N, C-alpha and C. Protein backbone atom coordinates (compact mmCIF):
# COMPACT_ATOMS: atom_id res chain seq x y z
N MET A 1 7.87 7.91 17.61
CA MET A 1 6.68 8.66 17.25
C MET A 1 5.97 9.08 18.52
N LYS A 2 5.66 10.37 18.62
CA LYS A 2 4.93 10.80 19.81
C LYS A 2 3.52 10.22 19.76
N LYS A 3 2.99 9.94 20.93
CA LYS A 3 1.71 9.25 21.02
C LYS A 3 0.50 10.16 20.88
N THR A 4 0.66 11.45 21.16
CA THR A 4 -0.49 12.33 21.14
C THR A 4 -0.73 12.91 19.75
N PHE A 5 -1.97 12.90 19.36
CA PHE A 5 -2.38 13.49 18.09
C PHE A 5 -3.86 13.81 18.22
N GLU A 6 -4.30 14.77 17.45
CA GLU A 6 -5.70 15.21 17.53
C GLU A 6 -6.54 14.67 16.38
N ASN A 7 -5.89 14.50 15.21
CA ASN A 7 -6.64 14.13 14.00
C ASN A 7 -6.11 12.84 13.39
N VAL A 8 -6.95 12.25 12.55
CA VAL A 8 -6.55 11.08 11.76
C VAL A 8 -6.80 11.39 10.29
N TYR A 9 -5.97 10.77 9.46
CA TYR A 9 -6.12 10.92 8.02
C TYR A 9 -6.86 9.69 7.49
N GLN A 10 -7.95 9.94 6.79
CA GLN A 10 -8.65 8.86 6.09
C GLN A 10 -8.03 8.76 4.71
N LEU A 11 -7.38 7.64 4.44
CA LEU A 11 -6.67 7.43 3.18
C LEU A 11 -7.30 6.29 2.41
N LYS A 12 -7.43 6.47 1.11
CA LYS A 12 -7.85 5.38 0.24
C LYS A 12 -6.62 4.89 -0.51
N LEU A 13 -6.38 3.60 -0.44
CA LEU A 13 -5.27 2.94 -1.11
C LEU A 13 -5.85 2.15 -2.27
N ALA A 14 -5.49 2.49 -3.49
CA ALA A 14 -6.06 1.82 -4.67
C ALA A 14 -4.94 1.31 -5.57
N MET A 15 -4.96 0.01 -5.84
CA MET A 15 -3.99 -0.60 -6.75
C MET A 15 -4.22 -0.05 -8.16
N LYS A 16 -3.13 0.35 -8.80
CA LYS A 16 -3.23 0.84 -10.18
C LYS A 16 -3.11 -0.33 -11.15
N GLY A 17 -3.89 -0.27 -12.24
CA GLY A 17 -3.74 -1.22 -13.34
C GLY A 17 -4.51 -2.51 -13.21
N ILE A 18 -5.30 -2.67 -12.15
CA ILE A 18 -6.06 -3.91 -11.96
C ILE A 18 -7.55 -3.58 -11.94
N THR A 19 -8.31 -4.32 -12.77
CA THR A 19 -9.76 -4.16 -12.83
C THR A 19 -10.41 -5.52 -12.65
N PRO A 20 -11.45 -5.63 -11.82
CA PRO A 20 -11.99 -4.60 -10.94
C PRO A 20 -10.97 -4.23 -9.87
N GLN A 21 -11.09 -3.01 -9.40
CA GLN A 21 -10.09 -2.43 -8.53
C GLN A 21 -9.97 -3.13 -7.17
N ILE A 22 -8.74 -3.21 -6.70
CA ILE A 22 -8.41 -3.66 -5.35
C ILE A 22 -8.12 -2.40 -4.55
N TRP A 23 -8.83 -2.20 -3.44
CA TRP A 23 -8.60 -0.98 -2.66
C TRP A 23 -8.85 -1.21 -1.18
N ARG A 24 -8.31 -0.29 -0.37
CA ARG A 24 -8.50 -0.28 1.08
C ARG A 24 -8.72 1.15 1.54
N ARG A 25 -9.48 1.31 2.62
CA ARG A 25 -9.62 2.61 3.29
C ARG A 25 -9.07 2.43 4.70
N ILE A 26 -8.09 3.27 5.04
CA ILE A 26 -7.47 3.17 6.37
C ILE A 26 -7.50 4.54 7.06
N LEU A 27 -7.48 4.50 8.36
CA LEU A 27 -7.37 5.70 9.19
C LEU A 27 -6.03 5.62 9.92
N VAL A 28 -5.22 6.67 9.78
CA VAL A 28 -3.90 6.70 10.41
C VAL A 28 -3.73 8.02 11.17
N PRO A 29 -2.93 8.02 12.23
CA PRO A 29 -2.68 9.26 12.98
C PRO A 29 -1.98 10.31 12.11
N GLU A 30 -2.30 11.56 12.34
CA GLU A 30 -1.71 12.67 11.58
C GLU A 30 -0.20 12.77 11.82
N ASN A 31 0.31 12.25 12.93
CA ASN A 31 1.74 12.35 13.23
C ASN A 31 2.54 11.16 12.68
N TYR A 32 1.94 10.35 11.84
CA TYR A 32 2.64 9.24 11.20
C TYR A 32 3.77 9.76 10.30
N THR A 33 4.83 8.94 10.22
CA THR A 33 5.87 9.17 9.21
C THR A 33 5.50 8.32 7.99
N PHE A 34 6.23 8.54 6.89
CA PHE A 34 6.00 7.71 5.71
C PHE A 34 6.43 6.26 5.96
N MET A 35 7.37 6.03 6.88
CA MET A 35 7.73 4.66 7.27
C MET A 35 6.54 3.99 7.94
N ASP A 36 5.86 4.73 8.83
CA ASP A 36 4.66 4.19 9.47
C ASP A 36 3.59 3.87 8.42
N LEU A 37 3.43 4.78 7.45
CA LEU A 37 2.43 4.55 6.39
C LEU A 37 2.81 3.34 5.55
N HIS A 38 4.09 3.19 5.24
CA HIS A 38 4.56 2.00 4.51
C HIS A 38 4.14 0.73 5.25
N ASN A 39 4.39 0.71 6.56
CA ASN A 39 4.02 -0.47 7.36
C ASN A 39 2.51 -0.71 7.35
N ALA A 40 1.73 0.36 7.40
CA ALA A 40 0.27 0.22 7.35
C ALA A 40 -0.20 -0.31 6.00
N ILE A 41 0.41 0.15 4.92
CA ILE A 41 0.05 -0.34 3.58
C ILE A 41 0.39 -1.82 3.47
N GLN A 42 1.57 -2.21 3.97
CA GLN A 42 1.96 -3.62 3.93
C GLN A 42 0.92 -4.48 4.63
N ALA A 43 0.46 -4.04 5.79
CA ALA A 43 -0.55 -4.80 6.54
C ALA A 43 -1.89 -4.82 5.79
N ALA A 44 -2.30 -3.67 5.27
CA ALA A 44 -3.59 -3.58 4.58
C ALA A 44 -3.62 -4.44 3.32
N MET A 45 -2.47 -4.58 2.66
CA MET A 45 -2.39 -5.36 1.43
C MET A 45 -1.92 -6.80 1.67
N ASN A 46 -1.71 -7.14 2.95
CA ASN A 46 -1.29 -8.49 3.32
C ASN A 46 0.04 -8.88 2.65
N TRP A 47 0.95 -7.91 2.57
CA TRP A 47 2.28 -8.15 2.03
C TRP A 47 3.26 -8.33 3.18
N ASP A 48 4.44 -8.86 2.87
CA ASP A 48 5.42 -9.22 3.89
C ASP A 48 6.67 -8.34 3.91
N ASP A 49 6.67 -7.24 3.18
CA ASP A 49 7.78 -6.28 3.20
C ASP A 49 9.10 -6.92 2.78
N TYR A 50 9.04 -7.75 1.73
CA TYR A 50 10.25 -8.41 1.22
C TYR A 50 11.04 -7.53 0.27
N HIS A 51 10.42 -6.46 -0.24
CA HIS A 51 11.00 -5.71 -1.36
C HIS A 51 11.15 -4.23 -1.04
N LEU A 52 11.93 -3.57 -1.90
CA LEU A 52 12.11 -2.13 -1.80
C LEU A 52 10.81 -1.41 -2.16
N HIS A 53 10.73 -0.17 -1.73
CA HIS A 53 9.53 0.63 -1.98
C HIS A 53 9.91 2.11 -1.96
N GLU A 54 9.00 2.94 -2.45
CA GLU A 54 9.15 4.38 -2.30
C GLU A 54 7.81 5.06 -2.51
N PHE A 55 7.73 6.28 -2.02
CA PHE A 55 6.58 7.14 -2.23
C PHE A 55 7.00 8.28 -3.14
N GLU A 56 6.07 8.77 -3.93
CA GLU A 56 6.26 10.01 -4.68
C GLU A 56 5.09 10.90 -4.34
N ILE A 57 5.40 12.14 -3.93
CA ILE A 57 4.36 13.10 -3.58
C ILE A 57 4.92 14.50 -3.79
N GLN A 58 4.04 15.39 -4.20
CA GLN A 58 4.46 16.78 -4.37
C GLN A 58 4.74 17.39 -3.01
N ASN A 59 5.86 18.08 -2.92
CA ASN A 59 6.20 18.80 -1.71
C ASN A 59 5.45 20.13 -1.74
N PRO A 60 4.52 20.37 -0.81
CA PRO A 60 3.73 21.60 -0.87
C PRO A 60 4.55 22.87 -0.69
N LYS A 61 5.74 22.76 -0.09
CA LYS A 61 6.59 23.95 0.11
C LYS A 61 7.36 24.32 -1.15
N THR A 62 7.79 23.31 -1.92
CA THR A 62 8.62 23.58 -3.09
C THR A 62 7.88 23.41 -4.41
N GLY A 63 6.77 22.67 -4.39
CA GLY A 63 6.06 22.36 -5.63
C GLY A 63 6.71 21.24 -6.42
N GLN A 64 7.84 20.74 -5.94
CA GLN A 64 8.57 19.67 -6.63
C GLN A 64 8.08 18.30 -6.16
N LEU A 65 8.28 17.30 -7.01
CA LEU A 65 7.94 15.93 -6.65
C LEU A 65 9.06 15.37 -5.78
N ASP A 66 8.73 14.98 -4.56
CA ASP A 66 9.70 14.34 -3.67
C ASP A 66 9.55 12.84 -3.74
N ARG A 67 10.68 12.16 -3.69
CA ARG A 67 10.72 10.71 -3.57
C ARG A 67 11.09 10.42 -2.13
N ILE A 68 10.29 9.60 -1.46
CA ILE A 68 10.47 9.32 -0.04
C ILE A 68 10.62 7.82 0.14
N GLY A 69 11.64 7.40 0.86
CA GLY A 69 11.84 5.97 1.08
C GLY A 69 13.06 5.72 1.94
N THR A 70 13.57 4.51 1.86
CA THR A 70 14.77 4.10 2.58
C THR A 70 15.68 3.42 1.58
N LYS A 71 16.93 3.85 1.54
CA LYS A 71 17.86 3.21 0.61
C LYS A 71 18.27 1.85 1.14
N GLY A 72 18.14 0.86 0.30
CA GLY A 72 18.63 -0.48 0.62
C GLY A 72 19.91 -0.73 -0.16
N ASP A 73 20.49 -1.88 0.01
CA ASP A 73 21.73 -2.20 -0.69
C ASP A 73 21.56 -2.13 -2.20
N ASP A 74 20.37 -2.52 -2.71
CA ASP A 74 20.13 -2.55 -4.15
C ASP A 74 19.43 -1.30 -4.65
N TYR A 75 19.20 -0.33 -3.80
CA TYR A 75 18.34 0.79 -4.18
C TYR A 75 18.90 1.58 -5.35
N GLU A 76 20.22 1.73 -5.41
CA GLU A 76 20.82 2.54 -6.47
C GLU A 76 20.45 2.01 -7.86
N ASP A 77 20.15 0.72 -7.96
CA ASP A 77 19.78 0.14 -9.25
C ASP A 77 18.43 0.67 -9.74
N TYR A 78 17.58 1.15 -8.83
CA TYR A 78 16.22 1.52 -9.18
C TYR A 78 15.94 3.01 -9.11
N GLY A 79 16.55 3.68 -8.17
CA GLY A 79 16.22 5.09 -7.97
C GLY A 79 17.23 6.01 -8.61
N ASP A 80 16.78 7.22 -8.90
CA ASP A 80 17.69 8.24 -9.36
C ASP A 80 17.29 9.54 -8.67
N GLY A 81 18.29 10.29 -8.27
CA GLY A 81 18.02 11.53 -7.57
C GLY A 81 17.91 11.31 -6.08
N PRO A 82 17.72 12.40 -5.34
CA PRO A 82 17.69 12.30 -3.87
C PRO A 82 16.45 11.59 -3.36
N LEU A 83 16.60 10.98 -2.21
CA LEU A 83 15.51 10.25 -1.56
C LEU A 83 15.35 10.84 -0.16
N VAL A 84 14.16 11.36 0.13
CA VAL A 84 13.87 11.90 1.46
C VAL A 84 13.72 10.71 2.41
N PRO A 85 14.40 10.71 3.57
CA PRO A 85 14.30 9.58 4.51
C PRO A 85 12.88 9.43 5.06
N GLU A 86 12.30 8.26 4.87
CA GLU A 86 10.90 8.05 5.27
C GLU A 86 10.70 8.01 6.78
N LYS A 87 11.75 7.75 7.52
CA LYS A 87 11.63 7.73 8.98
C LYS A 87 11.45 9.13 9.55
N LYS A 88 11.83 10.14 8.78
CA LYS A 88 11.75 11.53 9.25
C LYS A 88 10.61 12.30 8.58
N ALA A 89 10.21 11.90 7.39
CA ALA A 89 9.18 12.64 6.64
C ALA A 89 7.80 12.35 7.23
N LYS A 90 7.13 13.38 7.70
CA LYS A 90 5.81 13.22 8.31
C LYS A 90 4.70 13.43 7.28
N LEU A 91 3.64 12.65 7.42
CA LEU A 91 2.49 12.80 6.52
C LEU A 91 1.96 14.23 6.59
N SER A 92 1.91 14.80 7.79
CA SER A 92 1.35 16.14 7.97
C SER A 92 2.16 17.23 7.27
N ASP A 93 3.41 16.95 6.91
CA ASP A 93 4.22 17.92 6.16
C ASP A 93 3.92 17.86 4.66
N TYR A 94 3.24 16.82 4.22
CA TYR A 94 2.97 16.63 2.79
C TYR A 94 1.49 16.65 2.45
N PHE A 95 0.70 15.86 3.16
CA PHE A 95 -0.72 15.74 2.82
C PHE A 95 -1.52 16.92 3.36
N THR A 96 -2.26 17.54 2.48
CA THR A 96 -3.24 18.57 2.84
C THR A 96 -4.47 18.32 1.98
N MET A 97 -5.54 19.00 2.26
CA MET A 97 -6.74 18.82 1.42
C MET A 97 -6.51 19.38 0.02
N GLU A 98 -5.45 20.18 -0.17
CA GLU A 98 -5.09 20.66 -1.51
C GLU A 98 -4.02 19.78 -2.15
N ASN A 99 -3.31 19.01 -1.35
CA ASN A 99 -2.23 18.13 -1.82
C ASN A 99 -2.56 16.72 -1.34
N LYS A 100 -3.47 16.06 -2.06
CA LYS A 100 -4.13 14.85 -1.57
C LYS A 100 -3.52 13.53 -2.03
N ALA A 101 -2.68 13.53 -3.04
CA ALA A 101 -2.32 12.26 -3.67
C ALA A 101 -0.83 11.97 -3.62
N ALA A 102 -0.54 10.69 -3.37
CA ALA A 102 0.84 10.19 -3.44
C ALA A 102 0.80 8.86 -4.19
N LEU A 103 1.94 8.45 -4.69
CA LEU A 103 2.06 7.15 -5.34
C LEU A 103 3.05 6.33 -4.53
N TYR A 104 2.61 5.12 -4.15
CA TYR A 104 3.46 4.18 -3.41
C TYR A 104 3.80 3.06 -4.39
N THR A 105 5.10 2.84 -4.60
CA THR A 105 5.54 1.75 -5.46
C THR A 105 6.24 0.73 -4.58
N TYR A 106 5.84 -0.53 -4.74
CA TYR A 106 6.39 -1.62 -3.95
C TYR A 106 6.86 -2.72 -4.88
N ASP A 107 8.04 -3.25 -4.62
CA ASP A 107 8.64 -4.33 -5.41
C ASP A 107 8.89 -3.83 -6.83
N PHE A 108 10.05 -3.24 -7.02
CA PHE A 108 10.36 -2.63 -8.32
C PHE A 108 10.40 -3.64 -9.46
N GLY A 109 10.49 -4.94 -9.14
CA GLY A 109 10.40 -5.97 -10.18
C GLY A 109 8.96 -6.16 -10.63
N ASP A 110 8.08 -6.45 -9.66
CA ASP A 110 6.65 -6.61 -9.99
C ASP A 110 5.99 -5.26 -10.23
N ASN A 111 6.56 -4.20 -9.67
CA ASN A 111 6.11 -2.82 -9.87
C ASN A 111 4.65 -2.60 -9.46
N TRP A 112 4.34 -3.00 -8.22
CA TRP A 112 3.00 -2.74 -7.71
C TRP A 112 2.89 -1.27 -7.37
N GLN A 113 1.89 -0.60 -7.92
CA GLN A 113 1.70 0.81 -7.65
C GLN A 113 0.35 1.01 -6.96
N VAL A 114 0.40 1.73 -5.85
CA VAL A 114 -0.79 2.00 -5.06
C VAL A 114 -0.97 3.51 -4.98
N LYS A 115 -2.10 3.97 -5.45
CA LYS A 115 -2.41 5.39 -5.33
C LYS A 115 -2.92 5.62 -3.90
N VAL A 116 -2.28 6.55 -3.20
CA VAL A 116 -2.66 6.90 -1.83
C VAL A 116 -3.35 8.26 -1.92
N ARG A 117 -4.61 8.30 -1.52
CA ARG A 117 -5.38 9.55 -1.63
C ARG A 117 -5.96 9.93 -0.27
N LEU A 118 -5.66 11.15 0.16
CA LEU A 118 -6.25 11.69 1.38
C LEU A 118 -7.70 12.05 1.07
N GLU A 119 -8.64 11.37 1.77
CA GLU A 119 -10.05 11.65 1.55
C GLU A 119 -10.59 12.67 2.55
N LYS A 120 -10.18 12.53 3.81
CA LYS A 120 -10.69 13.40 4.86
C LYS A 120 -9.66 13.50 5.98
N ILE A 121 -9.73 14.60 6.71
CA ILE A 121 -9.02 14.73 7.97
C ILE A 121 -10.10 14.77 9.04
N LEU A 122 -10.05 13.80 9.96
CA LEU A 122 -11.11 13.62 10.96
C LEU A 122 -10.54 13.75 12.36
N PRO A 123 -11.37 14.15 13.32
CA PRO A 123 -10.90 14.11 14.71
C PRO A 123 -10.75 12.66 15.15
N LYS A 124 -9.73 12.40 15.97
CA LYS A 124 -9.56 11.02 16.43
C LYS A 124 -10.73 10.66 17.35
N THR A 125 -11.04 9.40 17.37
CA THR A 125 -12.10 8.88 18.23
C THR A 125 -11.45 8.25 19.45
N GLU A 126 -11.82 8.70 20.62
CA GLU A 126 -11.27 8.14 21.85
C GLU A 126 -11.59 6.65 21.91
N GLY A 127 -10.62 5.87 22.37
CA GLY A 127 -10.82 4.44 22.52
C GLY A 127 -10.50 3.63 21.27
N VAL A 128 -10.28 4.29 20.13
CA VAL A 128 -9.93 3.58 18.90
C VAL A 128 -8.41 3.49 18.82
N GLU A 129 -7.92 2.30 18.52
CA GLU A 129 -6.49 2.10 18.34
C GLU A 129 -6.17 2.21 16.85
N TYR A 130 -5.38 3.22 16.50
CA TYR A 130 -5.03 3.47 15.10
C TYR A 130 -3.67 2.86 14.80
N PRO A 131 -3.43 2.42 13.55
CA PRO A 131 -4.30 2.55 12.39
C PRO A 131 -5.43 1.53 12.42
N VAL A 132 -6.41 1.78 11.56
CA VAL A 132 -7.53 0.86 11.42
C VAL A 132 -7.95 0.84 9.95
N CYS A 133 -8.34 -0.34 9.49
CA CYS A 133 -8.89 -0.48 8.14
C CYS A 133 -10.40 -0.50 8.26
N THR A 134 -11.08 0.37 7.52
CA THR A 134 -12.53 0.49 7.65
C THR A 134 -13.30 -0.08 6.47
N ALA A 135 -12.64 -0.26 5.32
CA ALA A 135 -13.34 -0.75 4.13
C ALA A 135 -12.31 -1.22 3.10
N GLY A 136 -12.83 -1.86 2.07
CA GLY A 136 -11.98 -2.29 0.96
C GLY A 136 -12.73 -3.24 0.06
N LYS A 137 -12.10 -3.59 -1.03
CA LYS A 137 -12.66 -4.54 -1.98
C LYS A 137 -11.57 -5.44 -2.51
N ARG A 138 -11.89 -6.69 -2.63
CA ARG A 138 -11.08 -7.72 -3.27
C ARG A 138 -9.81 -8.04 -2.50
N ALA A 139 -9.38 -9.27 -2.61
CA ALA A 139 -8.14 -9.73 -1.99
C ALA A 139 -6.96 -9.01 -2.63
N ALA A 140 -5.94 -8.75 -1.85
CA ALA A 140 -4.73 -8.12 -2.38
C ALA A 140 -3.99 -9.09 -3.27
N VAL A 141 -3.19 -8.54 -4.16
CA VAL A 141 -2.38 -9.39 -5.03
C VAL A 141 -1.33 -10.09 -4.16
N PRO A 142 -1.11 -11.38 -4.39
CA PRO A 142 -0.10 -12.10 -3.61
C PRO A 142 1.31 -11.58 -3.92
N GLU A 143 2.12 -11.55 -2.90
CA GLU A 143 3.53 -11.16 -3.05
C GLU A 143 4.19 -12.05 -4.09
N ASP A 144 5.06 -11.45 -4.90
CA ASP A 144 5.87 -12.18 -5.90
C ASP A 144 5.04 -12.90 -6.95
N SER A 145 3.89 -12.33 -7.30
CA SER A 145 3.05 -12.98 -8.31
C SER A 145 3.35 -12.51 -9.73
N GLY A 146 4.36 -11.70 -9.92
CA GLY A 146 4.82 -11.40 -11.27
C GLY A 146 4.23 -10.15 -11.90
N GLY A 147 3.83 -9.19 -11.11
CA GLY A 147 3.25 -7.97 -11.66
C GLY A 147 1.82 -8.21 -12.14
N ILE A 148 1.27 -7.21 -12.79
CA ILE A 148 -0.13 -7.29 -13.22
C ILE A 148 -0.35 -8.48 -14.16
N GLY A 149 0.53 -8.64 -15.13
CA GLY A 149 0.38 -9.76 -16.09
C GLY A 149 0.46 -11.11 -15.40
N GLY A 150 1.41 -11.27 -14.49
CA GLY A 150 1.55 -12.53 -13.77
C GLY A 150 0.35 -12.81 -12.89
N TYR A 151 -0.17 -11.77 -12.25
CA TYR A 151 -1.36 -11.93 -11.40
C TYR A 151 -2.56 -12.34 -12.24
N GLU A 152 -2.76 -11.69 -13.38
CA GLU A 152 -3.88 -12.05 -14.26
C GLU A 152 -3.75 -13.49 -14.75
N ASP A 153 -2.51 -13.93 -15.06
CA ASP A 153 -2.28 -15.32 -15.47
C ASP A 153 -2.67 -16.28 -14.35
N LEU A 154 -2.30 -15.96 -13.10
CA LEU A 154 -2.64 -16.82 -11.96
C LEU A 154 -4.16 -16.95 -11.81
N LEU A 155 -4.87 -15.84 -11.98
CA LEU A 155 -6.33 -15.89 -11.87
C LEU A 155 -6.94 -16.77 -12.96
N GLU A 156 -6.39 -16.70 -14.17
CA GLU A 156 -6.88 -17.55 -15.27
C GLU A 156 -6.63 -19.03 -14.98
N ILE A 157 -5.45 -19.33 -14.45
CA ILE A 157 -5.13 -20.72 -14.11
C ILE A 157 -6.11 -21.25 -13.06
N LEU A 158 -6.42 -20.43 -12.06
CA LEU A 158 -7.32 -20.87 -10.98
C LEU A 158 -8.75 -21.11 -11.47
N LYS A 159 -9.12 -20.54 -12.61
CA LYS A 159 -10.46 -20.76 -13.17
C LYS A 159 -10.58 -22.11 -13.87
N ASP A 160 -9.44 -22.74 -14.16
CA ASP A 160 -9.45 -23.97 -14.97
C ASP A 160 -8.73 -25.11 -14.25
N PRO A 161 -9.49 -25.95 -13.52
CA PRO A 161 -8.85 -27.08 -12.81
C PRO A 161 -8.11 -28.05 -13.75
N GLU A 162 -8.38 -27.98 -15.04
CA GLU A 162 -7.69 -28.85 -16.01
C GLU A 162 -6.34 -28.28 -16.43
N ASP A 163 -6.06 -27.03 -16.11
CA ASP A 163 -4.79 -26.41 -16.47
C ASP A 163 -3.65 -27.17 -15.81
N GLU A 164 -2.56 -27.41 -16.56
CA GLU A 164 -1.44 -28.19 -16.02
C GLU A 164 -0.76 -27.50 -14.84
N GLU A 165 -0.93 -26.19 -14.69
CA GLU A 165 -0.33 -25.45 -13.57
C GLU A 165 -1.31 -25.24 -12.42
N TYR A 166 -2.52 -25.76 -12.54
CA TYR A 166 -3.55 -25.50 -11.54
C TYR A 166 -3.15 -25.95 -10.14
N GLU A 167 -2.71 -27.18 -9.99
CA GLU A 167 -2.37 -27.72 -8.66
C GLU A 167 -1.24 -26.93 -8.01
N ASP A 168 -0.17 -26.66 -8.78
CA ASP A 168 0.96 -25.89 -8.23
C ASP A 168 0.53 -24.48 -7.84
N THR A 169 -0.30 -23.86 -8.67
CA THR A 169 -0.76 -22.50 -8.40
C THR A 169 -1.64 -22.48 -7.16
N LEU A 170 -2.53 -23.46 -7.05
CA LEU A 170 -3.41 -23.56 -5.89
C LEU A 170 -2.59 -23.77 -4.61
N GLU A 171 -1.58 -24.61 -4.69
CA GLU A 171 -0.73 -24.85 -3.52
C GLU A 171 0.03 -23.57 -3.14
N TRP A 172 0.55 -22.85 -4.14
CA TRP A 172 1.32 -21.64 -3.89
C TRP A 172 0.45 -20.52 -3.32
N MET A 173 -0.75 -20.33 -3.86
CA MET A 173 -1.62 -19.23 -3.43
C MET A 173 -2.45 -19.60 -2.20
N GLY A 174 -2.58 -20.88 -1.95
CA GLY A 174 -3.39 -21.32 -0.82
C GLY A 174 -4.78 -21.74 -1.29
N GLU A 175 -5.25 -22.85 -0.77
CA GLU A 175 -6.54 -23.39 -1.22
C GLU A 175 -7.71 -22.47 -0.93
N ASP A 176 -7.53 -21.60 0.09
CA ASP A 176 -8.63 -20.72 0.46
C ASP A 176 -8.55 -19.35 -0.21
N PHE A 177 -7.61 -19.16 -1.15
CA PHE A 177 -7.49 -17.87 -1.82
C PHE A 177 -8.72 -17.61 -2.67
N ASP A 178 -9.37 -16.49 -2.41
CA ASP A 178 -10.51 -16.04 -3.20
C ASP A 178 -10.23 -14.61 -3.62
N PRO A 179 -10.00 -14.35 -4.91
CA PRO A 179 -9.63 -13.00 -5.34
C PRO A 179 -10.71 -11.96 -5.08
N GLU A 180 -11.93 -12.38 -4.83
CA GLU A 180 -13.03 -11.43 -4.58
C GLU A 180 -13.26 -11.16 -3.10
N TYR A 181 -12.63 -11.93 -2.23
CA TYR A 181 -12.90 -11.80 -0.79
C TYR A 181 -12.05 -10.72 -0.14
N PHE A 182 -12.69 -9.89 0.69
CA PHE A 182 -11.96 -8.99 1.57
C PHE A 182 -12.88 -8.62 2.74
N ASP A 183 -12.32 -8.66 3.94
CA ASP A 183 -13.02 -8.20 5.13
C ASP A 183 -12.05 -7.33 5.91
N PRO A 184 -12.40 -6.06 6.14
CA PRO A 184 -11.47 -5.17 6.86
C PRO A 184 -11.10 -5.66 8.25
N LYS A 185 -11.96 -6.48 8.84
CA LYS A 185 -11.66 -7.02 10.18
C LYS A 185 -10.49 -7.99 10.16
N ASP A 186 -10.14 -8.51 8.98
CA ASP A 186 -9.01 -9.43 8.83
C ASP A 186 -7.66 -8.72 8.84
N VAL A 187 -7.65 -7.39 8.66
CA VAL A 187 -6.40 -6.64 8.61
C VAL A 187 -5.86 -6.44 10.01
N SER A 188 -4.63 -6.90 10.23
CA SER A 188 -3.99 -6.78 11.53
C SER A 188 -2.77 -5.88 11.39
N PHE A 189 -2.76 -4.77 12.08
CA PHE A 189 -1.65 -3.82 11.98
C PHE A 189 -0.58 -4.14 13.01
């Protein structure tokens, strides 16, 4: 990736299907590839990149929905149709103020879906190291927590210390897990 860029994209990342919403606001260089964006989302959501993923976004040149990602050994089981290589696809070729939204799907088993929305295109600020997380709400869903239903079950278990699964769940999620806590300063890219 070339180091020089003039603008940054302000993106809002919002988990679909979870209320109250889990979201992040990040600033990324305009010359990012979708692979770079994938890595930034993983960091912002505190995930470990254990699973397959893909982006879906309208191609402004063709009007068609493009699927962007990297084929893994198991990818054929989940995807159909062509996949644009994420290492080559640049955000600036897809995102415009008229073409603002993409869908990022991570872990096809748990099926975490994150709506990626371009909010603004801003001039870069000298001295700032991008990417950067500027805002957000609520702790990210833990990796391998079983999709939306599994995550909601875990939260219910944590509310009841008398639940027979409470101790195991607390040990698995960590004693300091607070589903309402988020501080953008904790995000390390």
